[in-house]
Amino acid sequence: MRRAGAIVGATIDLLKASVEPGMTTKDLDKIANKEITRQGAKPTFMGYQGFPASICTSVNEEIVHGIPGKRVLREGDIVKVDV
């Protein structure tokens, strides 16, 4: 559990440092996937009941468990991520 928590924490820290206006939620997914696999782990969400991504992203009014895609992030967006 500690190792998994450390990987999740490192991934979230990397996403916080990387997110910027103009990128897509799919860009965030690619960053997360690369970090998780770099650490020798497998993304929890990928393939779960057909889920197509490594993380869940929700922007602004979206509640939870959104699928990363082509949505372009803008200044002031509230981005929520589940790893």
PDB file of N, CA and C in Angstrom:
ATOM      1  N   MET A   1       0.824  -1.187   0.000  1.00  0.00           N
ATOM      2  CA  MET A   1       0.000   0.000   0.000  1.00  0.00           C
ATOM      3  C   MET A   1       0.875   1.261   0.000  1.00  0.00           C
ATOM      4  N   ARG A   2       1.959   1.231   0.742  1.00  0.00           N
ATOM      5  CA  ARG A   2       2.823   2.419   0.781  1.00  0.00           C
ATOM      6  C   ARG A   2       3.431   2.708  -0.588  1.00  0.00           C
ATOM      7  N   ARG A   3       3.869   1.658  -1.247  1.00  0.00           N
ATOM      8  CA  ARG A   3       4.472   1.848  -2.574  1.00  0.00           C
ATOM      9  C   ARG A   3       3.438   2.387  -3.554  1.00  0.00           C
ATOM     10  N   ALA A   4       2.245   1.812  -3.526  1.00  0.00           N
ATOM     11  CA  ALA A   4       1.175   2.292  -4.410  1.00  0.00           C
ATOM     12  C   ALA A   4       0.848   3.748  -4.099  1.00  0.00           C
ATOM     13  N   GLY A   5       0.762   4.077  -2.813  1.00  0.00           N
ATOM     14  CA  GLY A   5       0.481   5.456  -2.417  1.00  0.00           C
ATOM     15  C   GLY A   5       1.566   6.415  -2.876  1.00  0.00           C
ATOM     16  N   ALA A   6       2.817   5.971  -2.804  1.00  0.00           N
ATOM     17  CA  ALA A   6       3.926   6.812  -3.250  1.00  0.00           C
ATOM     18  C   ALA A   6       3.861   7.051  -4.758  1.00  0.00           C
ATOM     19  N   ILE A   7       3.506   6.022  -5.509  1.00  0.00           N
ATOM     20  CA  ILE A   7       3.388   6.166  -6.968  1.00  0.00           C
ATOM     21  C   ILE A   7       2.245   7.110  -7.319  1.00  0.00           C
ATOM     22  N   VAL A   8       1.112   6.937  -6.659  1.00  0.00           N
ATOM     23  CA  VAL A   8      -0.031   7.828  -6.896  1.00  0.00           C
ATOM     24  C   VAL A   8       0.347   9.262  -6.532  1.00  0.00           C
ATOM     25  N   GLY A   9       0.993   9.446  -5.380  1.00  0.00           N
ATOM     26  CA  GLY A   9       1.400  10.785  -4.954  1.00  0.00           C
ATOM     27  C   GLY A   9       2.351  11.435  -5.940  1.00  0.00           C
ATOM     28  N   ALA A  10       3.332  10.673  -6.409  1.00  0.00           N
ATOM     29  CA  ALA A  10       4.287  11.205  -7.382  1.00  0.00           C
ATOM     30  C   ALA A  10       3.588  11.572  -8.691  1.00  0.00           C
ATOM     31  N   THR A  11       2.628  10.760  -9.086  1.00  0.00           N
ATOM     32  CA  THR A  11       1.888  11.025 -10.323  1.00  0.00           C
ATOM     33  C   THR A  11       1.053  12.291 -10.187  1.00  0.00           C
ATOM     34  N   ILE A  12       0.380  12.443  -9.065  1.00  0.00           N
ATOM     35  CA  ILE A  12      -0.420  13.652  -8.839  1.00  0.00           C
ATOM     36  C   ILE A  12       0.477  14.883  -8.805  1.00  0.00           C
ATOM     37  N   ASP A  13       1.622  14.794  -8.121  1.00  0.00           N
ATOM     38  CA  ASP A  13       2.553  15.928  -8.085  1.00  0.00           C
ATOM     39  C   ASP A  13       3.015  16.303  -9.491  1.00  0.00           C
ATOM     40  N   LEU A  14       3.317  15.301 -10.308  1.00  0.00           N
ATOM     41  CA  LEU A  14       3.750  15.559 -11.678  1.00  0.00           C
ATOM     42  C   LEU A  14       2.633  16.214 -12.490  1.00  0.00           C
ATOM     43  N   LEU A  15       1.412  15.735 -12.337  1.00  0.00           N
ATOM     44  CA  LEU A  15       0.283  16.325 -13.063  1.00  0.00           C
ATOM     45  C   LEU A  15       0.055  17.768 -12.636  1.00  0.00           C
ATOM     46  N   LYS A  16       0.147  18.040 -11.336  1.00  0.00           N
ATOM     47  CA  LYS A  16      -0.026  19.420 -10.853  1.00  0.00           C
ATOM     48  C   LYS A  16       1.022  20.339 -11.463  1.00  0.00           C
ATOM     49  N   ALA A  17       2.247  19.853 -11.569  1.00  0.00           N
ATOM     50  CA  ALA A  17       3.327  20.663 -12.129  1.00  0.00           C
ATOM     51  C   ALA A  17       3.209  20.810 -13.650  1.00  0.00           C
ATOM     52  N   SER A  18       2.517  19.893 -14.293  1.00  0.00           N
ATOM     53  CA  SER A  18       2.457  19.860 -15.759  1.00  0.00           C
ATOM     54  C   SER A  18       1.248  20.556 -16.360  1.00  0.00           C
ATOM     55  N   VAL A  19       0.143  20.603 -15.635  1.00  0.00           N
ATOM     56  CA  VAL A  19      -1.101  21.113 -16.211  1.00  0.00           C
ATOM     57  C   VAL A  19      -0.970  22.596 -16.560  1.00  0.00           C
ATOM     58  N   GLU A  20      -1.461  22.942 -17.744  1.00  0.00           N
ATOM     59  CA  GLU A  20      -1.447  24.338 -18.172  1.00  0.00           C
ATOM     60  C   GLU A  20      -2.498  24.549 -19.256  1.00  0.00           C
ATOM     61  N   PRO A  21      -2.942  25.798 -19.407  1.00  0.00           N
ATOM     62  CA  PRO A  21      -3.926  26.088 -20.449  1.00  0.00           C
ATOM     63  C   PRO A  21      -3.398  25.654 -21.815  1.00  0.00           C
ATOM     64  N   GLY A  22      -4.311  25.123 -22.632  1.00  0.00           N
ATOM     65  CA  GLY A  22      -3.962  24.704 -23.982  1.00  0.00           C
ATOM     66  C   GLY A  22      -3.736  23.216 -24.122  1.00  0.00           C
ATOM     67  N   MET A  23      -3.476  22.535 -23.008  1.00  0.00           N
ATOM     68  CA  MET A  23      -3.311  21.084 -23.113  1.00  0.00           C
ATOM     69  C   MET A  23      -4.666  20.420 -22.984  1.00  0.00           C
ATOM     70  N   THR A  24      -4.744  19.168 -23.374  1.00  0.00           N
ATOM     71  CA  THR A  24      -6.003  18.429 -23.281  1.00  0.00           C
ATOM     72  C   THR A  24      -5.965  17.487 -22.083  1.00  0.00           C
ATOM     73  N   THR A  25      -7.143  16.993 -21.726  1.00  0.00           N
ATOM     74  CA  THR A  25      -7.186  16.008 -20.650  1.00  0.00           C
ATOM     75  C   THR A  25      -6.489  14.719 -21.088  1.00  0.00           C
ATOM     76  N   LYS A  26      -6.473  14.436 -22.380  1.00  0.00           N
ATOM     77  CA  LYS A  26      -5.731  13.269 -22.889  1.00  0.00           C
ATOM     78  C   LYS A  26      -4.233  13.464 -22.695  1.00  0.00           C
ATOM     79  N   ASP A  27      -3.753  14.704 -22.825  1.00  0.00           N
ATOM     80  CA  ASP A  27      -2.341  14.987 -22.549  1.00  0.00           C
ATOM     81  C   ASP A  27      -2.003  14.619 -21.106  1.00  0.00           C
ATOM     82  N   LEU A  28      -2.890  14.971 -20.177  1.00  0.00           N
ATOM     83  CA  LEU A  28      -2.679  14.617 -18.769  1.00  0.00           C
ATOM     84  C   LEU A  28      -2.641  13.103 -18.595  1.00  0.00           C
ATOM     85  N   ASP A  29      -3.513  12.413 -19.294  1.00  0.00           N
ATOM     86  CA  ASP A  29      -3.546  10.953 -19.219  1.00  0.00           C
ATOM     87  C   ASP A  29      -2.225  10.355 -19.693  1.00  0.00           C
ATOM     88  N   LYS A  30      -1.674  10.886 -20.770  1.00  0.00           N
ATOM     89  CA  LYS A  30      -0.399  10.377 -21.293  1.00  0.00           C
ATOM     90  C   LYS A  30       0.730  10.598 -20.290  1.00  0.00           C
ATOM     91  N   ILE A  31       0.743  11.765 -19.648  1.00  0.00           N
ATOM     92  CA  ILE A  31       1.759  12.061 -18.635  1.00  0.00           C
ATOM     93  C   ILE A  31       1.640  11.077 -17.478  1.00  0.00           C
ATOM     94  N   ALA A  32       0.413  10.864 -17.014  1.00  0.00           N
ATOM     95  CA  ALA A  32       0.187   9.952 -15.892  1.00  0.00           C
ATOM     96  C   ALA A  32       0.582   8.529 -16.255  1.00  0.00           C
ATOM     97  N   ASN A  33       0.197   8.078 -17.437  1.00  0.00           N
ATOM     98  CA  ASN A  33       0.525   6.715 -17.856  1.00  0.00           C
ATOM     99  C   ASN A  33       2.033   6.509 -17.896  1.00  0.00           C
ATOM    100  N   LYS A  34       2.731   7.478 -18.441  1.00  0.00           N
ATOM    101  CA  LYS A  34       4.190   7.375 -18.536  1.00  0.00           C
ATOM    102  C   LYS A  34       4.820   7.293 -17.145  1.00  0.00           C
ATOM    103  N   GLU A  35       4.352   8.106 -16.214  1.00  0.00           N
ATOM    104  CA  GLU A  35       4.910   8.107 -14.855  1.00  0.00           C
ATOM    105  C   GLU A  35       4.596   6.808 -14.119  1.00  0.00           C
ATOM    106  N   ILE A  36       3.371   6.361 -14.219  1.00  0.00           N
ATOM    107  CA  ILE A  36       2.969   5.130 -13.524  1.00  0.00           C
ATOM    108  C   ILE A  36       3.772   3.943 -14.048  1.00  0.00           C
ATOM    109  N   THR A  37       3.879   3.820 -15.358  1.00  0.00           N
ATOM    110  CA  THR A  37       4.609   2.681 -15.920  1.00  0.00           C
ATOM    111  C   THR A  37       6.115   2.821 -15.707  1.00  0.00           C
ATOM    112  N   ARG A  38       6.618   4.049 -15.678  1.00  0.00           N
ATOM    113  CA  ARG A  38       8.044   4.274 -15.398  1.00  0.00           C
ATOM    114  C   ARG A  38       8.411   3.703 -14.032  1.00  0.00           C
ATOM    115  N   GLN A  39       7.461   3.772 -13.108  1.00  0.00           N
ATOM    116  CA  GLN A  39       7.710   3.272 -11.758  1.00  0.00           C
ATOM    117  C   GLN A  39       7.388   1.783 -11.616  1.00  0.00           C
ATOM    118  N   GLY A  40       7.129   1.125 -12.735  1.00  0.00           N
ATOM    119  CA  GLY A  40       6.911  -0.313 -12.711  1.00  0.00           C
ATOM    120  C   GLY A  40       5.523  -0.744 -12.279  1.00  0.00           C
ATOM    121  N   ALA A  41       4.574   0.179 -12.327  1.00  0.00           N
ATOM    122  CA  ALA A  41       3.198  -0.128 -11.916  1.00  0.00           C
ATOM    123  C   ALA A  41       2.275  -0.140 -13.133  1.00  0.00           C
ATOM    124  N   LYS A  42       1.041  -0.550 -12.901  1.00  0.00           N
ATOM    125  CA  LYS A  42       0.013  -0.546 -13.945  1.00  0.00           C
ATOM    126  C   LYS A  42      -1.096   0.416 -13.524  1.00  0.00           C
ATOM    127  N   PRO A  43      -1.588   1.235 -14.455  1.00  0.00           N
ATOM    128  CA  PRO A  43      -2.682   2.149 -14.130  1.00  0.00           C
ATOM    129  C   PRO A  43      -3.931   1.376 -13.689  1.00  0.00           C
ATOM    130  N   THR A  44      -4.496   1.776 -12.578  1.00  0.00           N
ATOM    131  CA  THR A  44      -5.648   1.077 -12.005  1.00  0.00           C
ATOM    132  C   THR A  44      -6.869   1.111 -12.916  1.00  0.00           C
ATOM    133  N   PHE A  45      -7.164   2.261 -13.495  1.00  0.00           N
ATOM    134  CA  PHE A  45      -8.394   2.417 -14.274  1.00  0.00           C
ATOM    135  C   PHE A  45      -8.315   1.771 -15.658  1.00  0.00           C
ATOM    136  N   MET A  46      -7.123   1.724 -16.245  1.00  0.00           N
ATOM    137  CA  MET A  46      -6.962   1.233 -17.617  1.00  0.00           C
ATOM    138  C   MET A  46      -7.525  -0.177 -17.764  1.00  0.00           C
ATOM    139  N   GLY A  47      -8.543  -0.300 -18.619  1.00  0.00           N
ATOM    140  CA  GLY A  47      -9.139  -1.595 -18.900  1.00  0.00           C
ATOM    141  C   GLY A  47     -10.202  -2.047 -17.916  1.00  0.00           C
ATOM    142  N   TYR A  48     -10.358  -1.342 -16.795  1.00  0.00           N
ATOM    143  CA  TYR A  48     -11.372  -1.748 -15.821  1.00  0.00           C
ATOM    144  C   TYR A  48     -12.754  -1.548 -16.430  1.00  0.00           C
ATOM    145  N   GLN A  49     -13.484  -2.614 -16.611  1.00  0.00           N
ATOM    146  CA  GLN A  49     -14.803  -2.600 -17.250  1.00  0.00           C
ATOM    147  C   GLN A  49     -14.772  -1.790 -18.549  1.00  0.00           C
ATOM    148  N   GLY A  50     -13.676  -1.940 -19.280  1.00  0.00           N
ATOM    149  CA  GLY A  50     -13.542  -1.283 -20.575  1.00  0.00           C
ATOM    150  C   GLY A  50     -13.073   0.162 -20.526  1.00  0.00           C
ATOM    151  N   PHE A  51     -12.702   0.678 -19.342  1.00  0.00           N
ATOM    152  CA  PHE A  51     -12.266   2.078 -19.251  1.00  0.00           C
ATOM    153  C   PHE A  51     -11.013   2.270 -20.103  1.00  0.00           C
ATOM    154  N   PRO A  52     -10.996   3.308 -20.960  1.00  0.00           N
ATOM    155  CA  PRO A  52      -9.933   3.436 -21.958  1.00  0.00           C
ATOM    156  C   PRO A  52      -8.728   4.289 -21.555  1.00  0.00           C
ATOM    157  N   ALA A  53      -8.608   4.670 -20.291  1.00  0.00           N
ATOM    158  CA  ALA A  53      -7.547   5.597 -19.915  1.00  0.00           C
ATOM    159  C   ALA A  53      -6.889   5.193 -18.594  1.00  0.00           C
ATOM    160  N   SER A  54      -5.758   5.838 -18.315  1.00  0.00           N
ATOM    161  CA  SER A  54      -5.001   5.555 -17.095  1.00  0.00           C
ATOM    162  C   SER A  54      -5.525   6.314 -15.891  1.00  0.00           C
ATOM    163  N   ILE A  55      -6.134   7.461 -16.136  1.00  0.00           N
ATOM    164  CA  ILE A  55      -6.689   8.291 -15.068  1.00  0.00           C
ATOM    165  C   ILE A  55      -8.109   8.700 -15.445  1.00  0.00           C
ATOM    166  N   CYS A  56      -8.816   9.226 -14.477  1.00  0.00           N
ATOM    167  CA  CYS A  56     -10.112   9.863 -14.736  1.00  0.00           C
ATOM    168  C   CYS A  56      -9.897  11.362 -14.597  1.00  0.00           C
ATOM    169  N   THR A  57     -10.480  12.147 -15.488  1.00  0.00           N
ATOM    170  CA  THR A  57     -10.396  13.601 -15.397  1.00  0.00           C
ATOM    171  C   THR A  57     -11.792  14.193 -15.482  1.00  0.00           C
ATOM    172  N   SER A  58     -12.036  15.165 -14.647  1.00  0.00           N
ATOM    173  CA  SER A  58     -13.306  15.887 -14.674  1.00  0.00           C
ATOM    174  C   SER A  58     -12.979  17.373 -14.616  1.00  0.00           C
ATOM    175  N   VAL A  59     -13.636  18.154 -15.444  1.00  0.00           N
ATOM    176  CA  VAL A  59     -13.346  19.580 -15.544  1.00  0.00           C
ATOM    177  C   VAL A  59     -14.587  20.379 -15.172  1.00  0.00           C
ATOM    178  N   ASN A  60     -14.373  21.365 -14.305  1.00  0.00           N
ATOM    179  CA  ASN A  60     -15.412  22.294 -13.876  1.00  0.00           C
ATOM    180  C   ASN A  60     -16.636  21.578 -13.320  1.00  0.00           C
ATOM    181  N   GLU A  61     -17.766  21.643 -14.012  1.00  0.00           N
ATOM    182  CA  GLU A  61     -19.032  21.129 -13.480  1.00  0.00           C
ATOM    183  C   GLU A  61     -19.153  19.609 -13.552  1.00  0.00           C
ATOM    184  N   GLU A  62     -18.260  18.955 -14.244  1.00  0.00           N
ATOM    185  CA  GLU A  62     -18.302  17.492 -14.308  1.00  0.00           C
ATOM    186  C   GLU A  62     -18.013  16.933 -12.919  1.00  0.00           C
ATOM    187  N   ILE A  63     -18.738  15.894 -12.543  1.00  0.00           N
ATOM    188  CA  ILE A  63     -18.633  15.373 -11.186  1.00  0.00           C
ATOM    189  C   ILE A  63     -17.365  14.538 -11.002  1.00  0.00           C
ATOM    190  N   VAL A  64     -17.363  13.293 -11.455  1.00  0.00           N
ATOM    191  CA  VAL A  64     -16.201  12.418 -11.286  1.00  0.00           C
ATOM    192  C   VAL A  64     -16.108  11.421 -12.437  1.00  0.00           C
ATOM    193  N   HIS A  65     -14.951  10.808 -12.550  1.00  0.00           N
ATOM    194  CA  HIS A  65     -14.698   9.684 -13.448  1.00  0.00           C
ATOM    195  C   HIS A  65     -14.917   9.996 -14.930  1.00  0.00           C
ATOM    196  N   GLY A  66     -14.565  11.211 -15.333  1.00  0.00           N
ATOM    197  CA  GLY A  66     -14.616  11.557 -16.749  1.00  0.00           C
ATOM    198  C   GLY A  66     -13.496  10.863 -17.508  1.00  0.00           C
ATOM    199  N   ILE A  67     -13.731  10.609 -18.772  1.00  0.00           N
ATOM    200  CA  ILE A  67     -12.732   9.964 -19.626  1.00  0.00           C
ATOM    201  C   ILE A  67     -11.885  11.053 -20.289  1.00  0.00           C
ATOM    202  N   PRO A  68     -10.562  10.994 -20.126  1.00  0.00           N
ATOM    203  CA  PRO A  68      -9.705  11.987 -20.771  1.00  0.00           C
ATOM    204  C   PRO A  68      -9.885  11.956 -22.289  1.00  0.00           C
ATOM    205  N   GLY A  69      -9.848  13.145 -22.882  1.00  0.00           N
ATOM    206  CA  GLY A  69     -10.059  13.219 -24.321  1.00  0.00           C
ATOM    207  C   GLY A  69      -9.507  14.496 -24.916  1.00  0.00           C
ATOM    208  N   LYS A  70     -10.223  15.038 -25.894  1.00  0.00           N
ATOM    209  CA  LYS A  70      -9.762  16.192 -26.663  1.00  0.00           C
ATOM    210  C   LYS A  70     -10.094  17.537 -26.012  1.00  0.00           C
ATOM    211  N   ARG A  71     -10.745  17.512 -24.857  1.00  0.00           N
ATOM    212  CA  ARG A  71     -11.126  18.773 -24.219  1.00  0.00           C
ATOM    213  C   ARG A  71      -9.875  19.592 -23.894  1.00  0.00           C
ATOM    214  N   VAL A  72      -9.844  20.811 -24.389  1.00  0.00           N
ATOM    215  CA  VAL A  72      -8.714  21.704 -24.162  1.00  0.00           C
ATOM    216  C   VAL A  72      -8.948  22.473 -22.865  1.00  0.00           C
ATOM    217  N   LEU A  73      -7.940  22.471 -22.010  1.00  0.00           N
ATOM    218  CA  LEU A  73      -8.043  23.170 -20.733  1.00  0.00           C
ATOM    219  C   LEU A  73      -7.775  24.654 -20.935  1.00  0.00           C
ATOM    220  N   ARG A  74      -8.544  25.465 -20.187  1.00  0.00           N
ATOM    221  CA  ARG A  74      -8.405  26.918 -20.264  1.00  0.00           C
ATOM    222  C   ARG A  74      -8.005  27.463 -18.903  1.00  0.00           C
ATOM    223  N   GLU A  75      -7.457  28.657 -18.906  1.00  0.00           N
ATOM    224  CA  GLU A  75      -7.109  29.345 -17.662  1.00  0.00           C
ATOM    225  C   GLU A  75      -8.352  29.422 -16.780  1.00  0.00           C
ATOM    226  N   GLY A  76      -8.227  29.052 -15.522  1.00  0.00           N
ATOM    227  CA  GLY A  76      -9.341  29.118 -14.584  1.00  0.00           C
ATOM    228  C   GLY A  76     -10.161  27.846 -14.473  1.00  0.00           C
ATOM    229  N   ASP A  77      -9.946  26.872 -15.364  1.00  0.00           N
ATOM    230  CA  ASP A  77     -10.659  25.595 -15.252  1.00  0.00           C
ATOM    231  C   ASP A  77     -10.277  24.901 -13.948  1.00  0.00           C
ATOM    232  N   ILE A  78     -11.241  24.229 -13.366  1.00  0.00           N
ATOM    233  CA  ILE A  78     -10.997  23.386 -12.199  1.00  0.00           C
ATOM    234  C   ILE A  78     -10.877  21.958 -12.719  1.00  0.00           C
ATOM    235  N   VAL A  79      -9.707  21.375 -12.546  1.00  0.00           N
ATOM    236  CA  VAL A  79      -9.432  20.036 -13.073  1.00  0.00           C
ATOM    237  C   VAL A  79      -9.303  19.062 -11.908  1.00  0.00           C
ATOM    238  N   LYS A  80     -10.125  18.008 -11.956  1.00  0.00           N
ATOM    239  CA  LYS A  80     -10.071  16.967 -10.932  1.00  0.00           C
ATOM    240  C   LYS A  80      -9.534  15.704 -11.580  1.00  0.00           C
ATOM    241  N   VAL A  81      -8.634  15.028 -10.866  1.00  0.00           N
ATOM    242  CA  VAL A  81      -7.989  13.830 -11.406  1.00  0.00           C
ATOM    243  C   VAL A  81      -8.080  12.701 -10.394  1.00  0.00           C
ATOM    244  N   ASP A  82      -8.453  11.517 -10.864  1.00  0.00           N
ATOM    245  CA  ASP A  82      -8.401  10.294 -10.062  1.00  0.00           C
ATOM    246  C   ASP A  82      -7.325   9.410 -10.671  1.00  0.00           C
ATOM    247  N   VAL A  83      -6.422   8.931  -9.809  1.00  0.00           N
ATOM    248  CA  VAL A  83      -5.325   8.075 -10.282  1.00  0.00           C
ATOM    249  C   VAL A  83      -5.544   6.674  -9.767  1.00  0.00           C
TER     250      VAL A  83
END
